[in-house]
Amino acid sequence: MLLIGVVSTSTVHGQLIDRGPLKPSTNTAHGNDAIKWLTMEEAYKASKIIDKPLFIDVYTSWCGWCVRMDKTTFRDPIVASYINANFHPVKFNAETNDSIHFLERTYNNSQSIYVKKMLAQSDSTIKVISDSLKLLGSNEKYRSKVSLLSQRLQQETASKSQLAKQARRTTHDLAIEIMNRKLSYPTFVLLFDSLKNNFPIKGYQKPNQLLSVLSFFGEKVYTKTNDLGGYQKLFYSSFSSQGQPVRKFGDFNTTIKKAEVSKKKTLFLVTNDQLYSSQVFEKGSFNDPSVVAYLSEHFEVGKMNLYESDSLTFNGQVFKNVNGVHQLPISMMQNQVTFPSMIFLDENQKLIMSIPEFFLPSELLPILHFIELEKYKTGDYATFRKEYQRNLINAGKAGQ
């Protein structure tokens, strides 16, 4: 079978509820410390054992919005559970003076070290000037010299005062590096791809805002699209109580019977409701008006449950649930269990292909055309995608 080239992802576990993560919950999951925070060094060691991204809360002691995050968003049990399951969470004081060993390097607070050095020099200078003034005393002979030294003493004392203020707010070298030298608080940094890449999130985040970004990276949606904004838009609409009604998917038997009558191709969606990307794909991408219109015309659409308990018959063969997992979707996905996945059957209920991964509506439509027009029989998807894009551009120019 011809497969569209995609990058597979590992299964990510989290918790969702029907209403979606719209508001901070009234109950906490584990008291005031629902998120199991680690130090930078602890998280680095943990990442070598379990390859999960790091979620780093970069805060300061004087940041009011940082405190508010701790009292609201981080206490939401949905947020806490998701972060604990899918990330190594880190609390990192950006102004710490500790030496930190991270990514095979030792990081220090160079600003603090420099200011302390300058303070020591200032103290030494002030002492020398003060001792000189004592020696000169009030002797009229040294009046002009005493005046100059007194002015110098005032300048050094003022300079020391400024240095002392600066010493109270110095930024650690590691904080500067992971925030890409753009310092603001709170900042939440995601380190992913085996800690090789980072993505800073700036400012206070409500639960649904934070979860939309976390799921984009934690469930590796970014490997399919770099359009975080497009994903977030679908995320919010998918869990909004005021969004448009979500389309209903038929079960396996009903969908097959309809396809036998209509003689259309069949699309089965296989999702995992424990994954945000699965729910956004189902409630967002598949609810896009253009996608709905094309599917209604050319496909019978159903949904397959990986945990279906009933036996199902397909092409004369009986498939059952074995150890809690149904064997029919596993077989149709050709043992590549990735969520979400689409399974396509032809008009005779023969398997065309299984396509894993998340797609935004703009990327889903050309795939549907590729299957419906049976271009998979004569060429590859990459070539078809280029042709599809050219046709869109030409159609747009013709309509101007």
Protein backbone atom coordinates (compact mmCIF):
# COMPACT_ATOMS: atom_id res chain seq x y z
CA MET A 1 0.00 0.00 0.00
CA LEU A 2 1.15 3.54 -0.74
CA LEU A 3 1.69 5.55 2.43
CA ILE A 4 1.90 9.30 2.80
CA GLY A 5 5.18 10.20 4.46
CA VAL A 6 4.58 11.26 8.04
CA VAL A 7 6.52 11.27 11.27
CA SER A 8 5.21 8.87 13.90
CA THR A 9 4.78 9.95 17.50
CA SER A 10 4.80 8.09 20.75
CA THR A 11 1.64 7.71 22.77
CA VAL A 12 1.19 10.50 25.31
CA HIS A 13 -1.11 10.10 28.28
CA GLY A 14 -3.06 12.89 29.93
CA GLN A 15 -6.45 13.61 31.37
CA LEU A 16 -9.41 15.31 29.72
CA ILE A 17 -12.95 15.94 30.78
CA ASP A 18 -16.01 16.45 28.58
CA ARG A 19 -16.26 20.19 29.14
CA GLY A 20 -12.66 20.75 28.11
CA PRO A 21 -10.11 22.74 30.12
CA LEU A 22 -11.96 26.06 29.97
CA LYS A 23 -11.61 27.43 33.51
CA PRO A 24 -9.50 26.72 36.59
CA SER A 25 -11.11 23.90 38.52
CA THR A 26 -12.40 24.38 42.04
CA ASN A 27 -10.67 21.25 43.34
CA THR A 28 -6.95 20.50 43.43
CA ALA A 29 -5.44 17.20 42.44
CA HIS A 30 -2.75 16.91 45.11
CA GLY A 31 -3.21 19.86 47.45
CA ASN A 32 -1.17 23.00 46.86
CA ASP A 33 1.65 21.17 45.10
CA ALA A 34 -0.24 19.31 42.39
CA ILE A 35 2.65 19.63 39.95
CA LYS A 36 5.64 17.53 40.95
CA TRP A 37 8.29 20.20 40.51
CA LEU A 38 11.96 19.27 40.01
CA THR A 39 15.18 21.24 39.99
CA MET A 40 16.96 21.81 36.68
CA GLU A 41 19.55 19.18 37.56
CA GLU A 42 16.93 16.64 38.66
CA ALA A 43 14.95 17.13 35.47
CA TYR A 44 18.07 16.79 33.33
CA LYS A 45 18.90 13.48 34.97
CA ALA A 46 15.27 12.32 34.62
CA SER A 47 15.25 13.21 30.90
CA LYS A 48 18.13 10.80 30.34
CA ILE A 49 16.01 7.99 31.76
CA ILE A 50 12.61 9.00 30.32
CA ASP A 51 12.81 11.11 27.16
CA LYS A 52 10.11 13.71 27.83
CA PRO A 53 10.27 17.47 27.22
CA LEU A 54 11.06 19.81 30.08
CA PHE A 55 8.47 22.36 31.19
CA ILE A 56 10.37 25.12 33.01
CA ASP A 57 8.58 27.77 35.05
CA VAL A 58 11.09 30.65 35.11
CA TYR A 59 10.04 32.96 37.94
CA THR A 60 11.32 35.59 40.37
CA SER A 61 10.42 36.25 44.00
CA TRP A 62 9.01 39.71 43.20
CA CYS A 63 6.83 38.66 40.21
CA GLY A 64 3.13 39.00 41.09
CA TRP A 65 1.90 37.16 37.98
CA CYS A 66 4.19 34.25 38.87
CA VAL A 67 2.44 33.97 42.24
CA ARG A 68 -0.93 34.13 40.50
CA MET A 69 0.05 31.24 38.20
CA ASP A 70 0.87 29.17 41.28
CA LYS A 71 -2.50 29.97 42.86
CA THR A 72 -4.66 29.42 39.77
CA THR A 73 -3.48 27.67 36.61
CA PHE A 74 -0.91 25.41 38.26
CA ARG A 75 -3.53 24.30 40.81
CA ASP A 76 -5.95 23.21 38.10
CA PRO A 77 -5.92 19.38 38.36
CA ILE A 78 -6.22 18.98 34.57
CA VAL A 79 -3.16 21.16 33.99
CA ALA A 80 -1.21 19.50 36.80
CA SER A 81 -2.02 15.98 35.64
CA TYR A 82 -1.11 16.77 32.03
CA ILE A 83 2.20 18.39 32.94
CA ASN A 84 3.14 15.57 35.34
CA ALA A 85 2.35 12.91 32.70
CA ASN A 86 3.94 14.51 29.66
CA PHE A 87 6.80 16.70 30.90
CA HIS A 88 9.56 16.89 33.46
CA PRO A 89 8.36 20.04 35.31
CA VAL A 90 10.93 22.47 36.70
CA LYS A 91 10.66 25.45 39.05
CA PHE A 92 13.57 27.74 38.25
CA ASN A 93 14.30 30.98 40.11
CA ALA A 94 15.86 33.20 37.44
CA GLU A 95 17.80 35.12 40.10
CA THR A 96 19.36 32.21 41.97
CA ASN A 97 23.05 32.34 42.79
CA ASP A 98 23.44 28.56 42.67
CA SER A 99 25.81 26.83 40.27
CA ILE A 100 23.77 24.52 38.02
CA HIS A 101 25.11 21.62 36.00
CA PHE A 102 22.91 21.26 32.93
CA LEU A 103 23.45 19.94 29.38
CA GLU A 104 27.00 18.93 30.33
CA ARG A 105 27.85 22.51 31.32
CA THR A 106 28.06 24.40 34.59
CA TYR A 107 26.08 27.64 34.66
CA ASN A 108 26.49 30.42 37.23
CA ASN A 109 25.01 33.81 37.96
CA SER A 110 27.78 35.82 36.30
CA GLN A 111 25.95 39.08 36.96
CA SER A 112 25.88 38.36 40.69
CA ILE A 113 29.57 37.39 40.70
CA TYR A 114 30.46 40.59 38.82
CA VAL A 115 28.37 42.84 41.09
CA LYS A 116 29.83 41.26 44.22
CA LYS A 117 33.31 41.88 42.83
CA MET A 118 32.42 45.51 42.10
CA LEU A 119 30.91 45.91 45.59
CA ALA A 120 34.12 44.58 47.14
CA GLN A 121 36.15 47.07 45.09
CA SER A 122 33.77 49.86 46.10
CA ASP A 123 34.10 48.92 49.78
CA SER A 124 37.86 48.96 49.43
CA THR A 125 37.81 52.38 47.72
CA ILE A 126 35.46 53.84 50.34
CA LYS A 127 37.69 52.55 53.15
CA VAL A 128 40.81 54.09 51.56
CA ILE A 129 39.06 57.46 51.12
CA SER A 130 37.61 57.36 54.64
CA ASP A 131 41.00 56.51 56.14
CA SER A 132 42.60 59.35 54.17
CA LEU A 133 40.02 61.84 55.43
CA LYS A 134 40.71 60.76 59.01
CA LEU A 135 44.45 61.30 58.55
CA LEU A 136 43.97 64.72 56.98
CA GLY A 137 41.48 65.70 59.62
CA SER A 138 40.45 69.37 59.74
CA ASN A 139 43.85 70.77 58.97
CA GLU A 140 43.32 73.97 56.95
CA LYS A 141 46.41 73.14 54.96
CA TYR A 142 44.58 70.21 53.29
CA ARG A 143 41.22 71.92 52.89
CA SER A 144 40.99 71.61 49.08
CA LYS A 145 42.18 68.03 49.17
CA VAL A 146 39.64 67.10 51.85
CA SER A 147 36.89 68.70 49.75
CA LEU A 148 37.85 66.61 46.71
CA LEU A 149 38.05 63.44 48.77
CA SER A 150 34.66 64.17 50.35
CA GLN A 151 33.08 64.55 46.92
CA ARG A 152 34.75 61.31 45.82
CA LEU A 153 33.40 59.57 48.93
CA GLN A 154 29.85 60.72 48.13
CA GLN A 155 30.18 59.45 44.56
CA GLU A 156 31.53 56.07 45.67
CA THR A 157 28.80 55.72 48.30
CA ALA A 158 26.09 56.51 45.72
CA SER A 159 27.70 54.07 43.29
CA LYS A 160 27.76 51.37 45.97
CA SER A 161 24.07 51.98 46.68
CA GLN A 162 23.24 51.43 43.01
CA LEU A 163 25.37 48.29 42.93
CA ALA A 164 23.61 46.98 46.05
CA LYS A 165 20.23 47.43 44.32
CA GLN A 166 21.55 45.68 41.24
CA ALA A 167 22.87 42.84 43.42
CA ARG A 168 19.33 42.10 44.60
CA ARG A 169 18.15 41.43 41.03
CA THR A 170 20.75 39.63 38.97
CA THR A 171 19.80 37.05 36.36
CA HIS A 172 21.32 33.59 36.19
CA ASP A 173 23.22 32.71 33.00
CA LEU A 174 21.04 29.66 32.38
CA ALA A 175 17.85 31.73 32.64
CA ILE A 176 19.21 34.20 30.11
CA GLU A 177 20.09 31.37 27.73
CA ILE A 178 16.84 29.40 27.83
CA MET A 179 14.76 32.61 27.56
CA ASN A 180 16.76 33.58 24.46
CA ARG A 181 17.98 36.73 26.27
CA LYS A 182 14.43 38.16 26.34
CA LEU A 183 13.79 38.53 30.05
CA SER A 184 10.21 38.81 31.31
CA TYR A 185 8.29 37.03 34.03
CA PRO A 186 6.70 34.66 34.16
CA THR A 187 8.22 32.81 31.22
CA PHE A 188 7.57 29.12 30.64
CA VAL A 189 10.19 27.37 28.56
CA LEU A 190 9.63 24.08 26.77
CA LEU A 191 12.79 22.12 26.01
CA PHE A 192 12.03 19.33 23.54
CA ASP A 193 13.57 17.05 20.91
CA SER A 194 15.92 15.56 23.51
CA LEU A 195 16.40 19.10 24.92
CA LYS A 196 17.89 20.38 21.66
CA ASN A 197 15.15 22.95 20.94
CA ASN A 198 13.32 25.42 23.13
CA PHE A 199 10.10 27.41 22.97
CA PRO A 200 9.45 30.21 25.50
CA ILE A 201 5.85 31.07 26.47
CA LYS A 202 5.58 34.61 27.83
CA GLY A 203 3.18 35.93 30.45
CA TYR A 204 0.29 34.65 32.54
CA GLN A 205 -1.53 31.68 31.01
CA LYS A 206 -5.07 30.50 31.66
CA PRO A 207 -5.49 26.70 31.69
CA ASN A 208 -6.81 26.43 28.13
CA GLN A 209 -4.09 28.77 26.82
CA LEU A 210 -1.33 26.77 28.45
CA LEU A 211 -2.76 23.37 27.51
CA SER A 212 -3.09 24.37 23.86
CA VAL A 213 0.67 25.03 23.68
CA LEU A 214 1.63 22.08 25.85
CA SER A 215 -0.34 19.64 23.71
CA PHE A 216 1.12 21.12 20.51
CA PHE A 217 4.62 20.22 21.70
CA GLY A 218 3.93 17.39 24.15
CA GLU A 219 1.97 15.41 21.55
CA LYS A 220 4.40 16.40 18.78
CA VAL A 221 1.84 18.17 16.61
CA TYR A 222 4.71 20.47 15.64
CA THR A 223 6.18 17.62 13.57
CA LYS A 224 3.18 17.95 11.21
CA THR A 225 2.63 21.72 11.19
CA ASN A 226 4.45 24.82 12.44
CA ASP A 227 1.15 26.71 12.62
CA LEU A 228 0.75 26.92 16.40
CA GLY A 229 -1.79 29.73 16.01
CA GLY A 230 -3.95 27.60 13.71
CA TYR A 231 -3.81 24.70 16.15
CA GLN A 232 -4.71 26.94 19.10
CA LYS A 233 -7.71 28.35 17.21
CA LEU A 234 -9.00 24.82 16.62
CA PHE A 235 -8.20 23.89 20.23
CA TYR A 236 -10.31 26.72 21.65
CA SER A 237 -13.24 26.02 19.32
CA SER A 238 -13.08 22.29 20.07
CA PHE A 239 -13.59 22.81 23.79
CA SER A 240 -15.78 25.90 23.72
CA SER A 241 -19.29 25.42 25.04
CA GLN A 242 -20.42 28.04 22.51
CA GLY A 243 -18.79 26.52 19.44
CA GLN A 244 -20.64 25.06 16.49
CA PRO A 245 -22.17 21.57 16.92
CA VAL A 246 -19.65 18.78 16.45
CA ARG A 247 -20.44 16.33 13.65
CA LYS A 248 -21.55 12.86 14.67
CA PHE A 249 -19.59 9.83 13.46
CA GLY A 250 -21.29 6.54 12.70
CA ASP A 251 -20.14 3.32 14.32
CA PHE A 252 -18.36 0.66 12.28
CA ASN A 253 -21.34 -1.47 11.23
CA THR A 254 -23.60 1.49 10.40
CA THR A 255 -20.90 3.18 8.32
CA ILE A 256 -20.10 0.01 6.36
CA LYS A 257 -23.78 -0.57 5.57
CA LYS A 258 -24.17 3.00 4.33
CA ALA A 259 -21.09 2.61 2.13
CA GLU A 260 -22.48 -0.58 0.62
CA VAL A 261 -25.56 1.37 -0.49
CA SER A 262 -23.92 4.67 -1.52
CA LYS A 263 -20.87 3.04 -3.17
CA LYS A 264 -18.68 5.77 -1.72
CA LYS A 265 -15.24 5.38 -0.25
CA THR A 266 -15.10 5.07 3.55
CA LEU A 267 -13.05 6.99 6.08
CA PHE A 268 -12.72 5.73 9.65
CA LEU A 269 -11.25 8.01 12.27
CA VAL A 270 -9.35 6.31 15.10
CA THR A 271 -8.66 8.60 18.05
CA ASN A 272 -7.63 8.48 21.68
CA ASP A 273 -9.69 10.79 23.89
CA GLN A 274 -6.78 10.98 26.34
CA LEU A 275 -4.93 13.05 23.73
CA TYR A 276 -5.80 16.67 23.06
CA SER A 277 -4.54 16.40 19.48
CA SER A 278 -7.01 13.57 18.84
CA GLN A 279 -9.91 15.61 20.15
CA VAL A 280 -8.85 18.73 18.26
CA PHE A 281 -8.53 16.70 15.05
CA GLU A 282 -12.00 15.24 15.52
CA LYS A 283 -13.82 18.32 16.84
CA GLY A 284 -11.80 20.93 14.98
CA SER A 285 -10.33 19.76 11.68
CA PHE A 286 -13.23 17.42 10.88
CA ASN A 287 -15.70 20.16 11.78
CA ASP A 288 -14.25 22.65 9.30
CA PRO A 289 -17.00 23.61 6.78
CA SER A 290 -14.85 22.82 3.71
CA VAL A 291 -13.87 19.44 5.12
CA VAL A 292 -17.47 18.64 6.11
CA ALA A 293 -18.74 19.55 2.62
CA TYR A 294 -16.15 17.42 0.81
CA LEU A 295 -16.61 14.43 3.09
CA SER A 296 -20.39 14.59 2.79
CA GLU A 297 -20.16 14.43 -0.99
CA HIS A 298 -17.48 11.79 -1.42
CA PHE A 299 -17.12 9.64 1.70
CA GLU A 300 -19.01 7.70 4.32
CA VAL A 301 -17.38 8.69 7.60
CA GLY A 302 -17.26 6.67 10.81
CA LYS A 303 -15.25 6.37 13.99
CA MET A 304 -13.52 3.28 15.32
CA ASN A 305 -12.95 2.69 19.00
CA LEU A 306 -9.67 1.01 19.86
CA TYR A 307 -11.33 -0.35 23.00
CA GLU A 308 -14.53 -1.63 21.34
CA SER A 309 -15.77 -4.68 23.26
CA ASP A 310 -18.04 -6.28 20.63
CA SER A 311 -16.79 -8.60 17.90
CA LEU A 312 -16.79 -7.06 14.42
CA THR A 313 -16.90 -8.81 11.06
CA PHE A 314 -14.98 -7.30 8.15
CA ASN A 315 -14.57 -8.94 4.74
CA GLY A 316 -15.65 -12.30 6.16
CA GLN A 317 -13.18 -12.23 9.06
CA VAL A 318 -14.19 -11.83 12.72
CA PHE A 319 -12.13 -9.45 14.85
CA LYS A 320 -12.35 -9.38 18.64
CA ASN A 321 -11.12 -7.40 21.61
CA VAL A 322 -7.96 -9.05 22.90
CA ASN A 323 -6.62 -7.96 26.29
CA GLY A 324 -8.62 -4.72 26.17
CA VAL A 325 -7.64 -3.69 22.64
CA HIS A 326 -9.74 -4.40 19.56
CA GLN A 327 -7.85 -6.10 16.77
CA LEU A 328 -9.75 -4.60 13.80
CA PRO A 329 -8.40 -1.02 14.05
CA ILE A 330 -4.97 -2.47 14.91
CA SER A 331 -5.07 -4.55 11.73
CA MET A 332 -6.28 -1.65 9.60
CA MET A 333 -3.56 0.61 11.01
CA GLN A 334 -1.13 -2.12 9.97
CA ASN A 335 0.12 -2.38 13.56
CA GLN A 336 1.25 1.27 13.53
CA VAL A 337 -0.75 2.47 16.51
CA THR A 338 -0.66 6.26 16.32
CA PHE A 339 -3.33 8.73 17.33
CA PRO A 340 -5.12 10.23 15.59
CA SER A 341 -5.20 8.01 12.48
CA MET A 342 -7.39 7.86 9.38
CA ILE A 343 -8.27 4.57 7.69
CA PHE A 344 -9.48 4.69 4.08
CA LEU A 345 -11.46 1.92 2.33
CA ASP A 346 -12.43 1.83 -1.32
CA GLU A 347 -15.95 1.33 -2.68
CA ASN A 348 -15.61 -2.43 -2.18
CA GLN A 349 -14.48 -2.08 1.46
CA LYS A 350 -10.89 -2.95 0.62
CA LEU A 351 -8.18 -1.19 2.60
CA ILE A 352 -6.56 1.65 0.66
CA MET A 353 -4.23 2.94 3.34
CA SER A 354 -3.91 4.13 6.91
CA ILE A 355 -2.64 7.66 7.47
CA PRO A 356 -1.50 8.58 10.99
CA GLU A 357 -1.02 11.99 12.60
CA PHE A 358 -2.80 15.30 13.11
CA PHE A 359 -3.67 17.60 10.21
CA LEU A 360 -5.05 21.13 10.11
CA PRO A 361 -8.03 21.52 7.73
CA SER A 362 -5.85 23.09 5.03
CA GLU A 363 -3.62 19.99 5.06
CA LEU A 364 -6.47 17.52 5.47
CA LEU A 365 -8.34 18.60 2.33
CA PRO A 366 -5.58 17.71 -0.18
CA ILE A 367 -5.26 14.28 1.45
CA LEU A 368 -8.98 13.70 0.96
CA HIS A 369 -8.66 14.75 -2.69
CA PHE A 370 -5.66 12.46 -3.11
CA ILE A 371 -7.71 9.48 -1.91
CA GLU A 372 -10.99 10.34 -3.67
CA LEU A 373 -9.31 11.02 -7.04
CA GLU A 374 -7.30 7.80 -6.61
CA LYS A 375 -4.04 9.58 -7.33
CA TYR A 376 -2.35 7.08 -5.01
CA LYS A 377 -2.63 4.56 -7.86
CA THR A 378 -0.47 6.57 -10.23
CA GLY A 379 1.86 8.73 -8.16
CA ASP A 380 3.12 9.90 -4.79
CA TYR A 381 1.49 12.39 -2.46
CA ALA A 382 4.31 14.94 -2.53
CA THR A 383 3.94 15.41 -6.29
CA PHE A 384 0.15 15.58 -6.00
CA ARG A 385 0.40 18.13 -3.17
CA LYS A 386 2.45 20.48 -5.34
CA GLU A 387 -0.06 20.15 -8.18
CA TYR A 388 -2.94 20.73 -5.76
CA GLN A 389 -1.30 23.90 -4.46
CA ARG A 390 -0.68 25.22 -7.99
CA ASN A 391 -4.33 24.63 -8.85
CA LEU A 392 -5.42 26.59 -5.77
CA ILE A 393 -3.17 29.51 -6.73
CA ASN A 394 -4.39 29.49 -10.32
CA ALA A 395 -8.02 29.32 -9.19
CA GLY A 396 -7.41 32.28 -6.91
CA LYS A 397 -5.90 34.33 -9.73
CA ALA A 398 -8.78 33.44 -12.05
CA GLY A 399 -11.28 34.61 -9.47
CA GLN A 400 -9.66 38.04 -9.08
